[in-house]
Amino acid sequence: MKKIKVMLLKDVDNLGKKGDVINVSDGYARNYLLPKGLAREVNEGLLENLKLQEISKKKKEEKLIEKFRKEKELLEKNTYVVKAKVGETGKLFGSITSKDVADIINEKLKLGIDKKQVELDEPIKSLGEYEVTIKLHPQVVAKAKIIVEAEK
């Protein structure tokens, strides 16, 4: 039984995901995968092109991670002060949410942090210092220092 290399153009159950290069029997490829547009026969030019695309993709990812590492350093060396209205007991009127934290950081550093990147276990409801986790990238996580002070 002759085997040929094909690249999947769509996810195929029990075979692989889109973009995978696999060996399948000649008949399966010619009678099912190729006519239905599920795969494409691989030649040397396509393999070389795929390798170049993979290298390019890795370089872009490395540059992106490096950019996020620089942002992490910037985030971690700064302290962010939040002014909030406080009652007599030291409790805040309302609370400081991840959106508020993102807004304060963006106001100071203009990094474009989204509230979904800011991880707070629960909204901040009292004065003090807090360490907030900010997910810049799955591989780069920053810890920002937030100080909540009473508004005068």
Foldseek 3Di string as FASTA:
>chain_A
DDKFWKAFCAADPPPGGHGDIDIDHPCCCVPPCVVVVGIGGDDPVNVVVSVVVVVVVVVVVVVLVVVLVVVQVVQAVDEFEAEFAADPVQWGPDFAALQNVQVRCCVVPVPPADSVQKDDPDTHTGFAKDWIWGDPDPVDIHTHIYGYDYDD
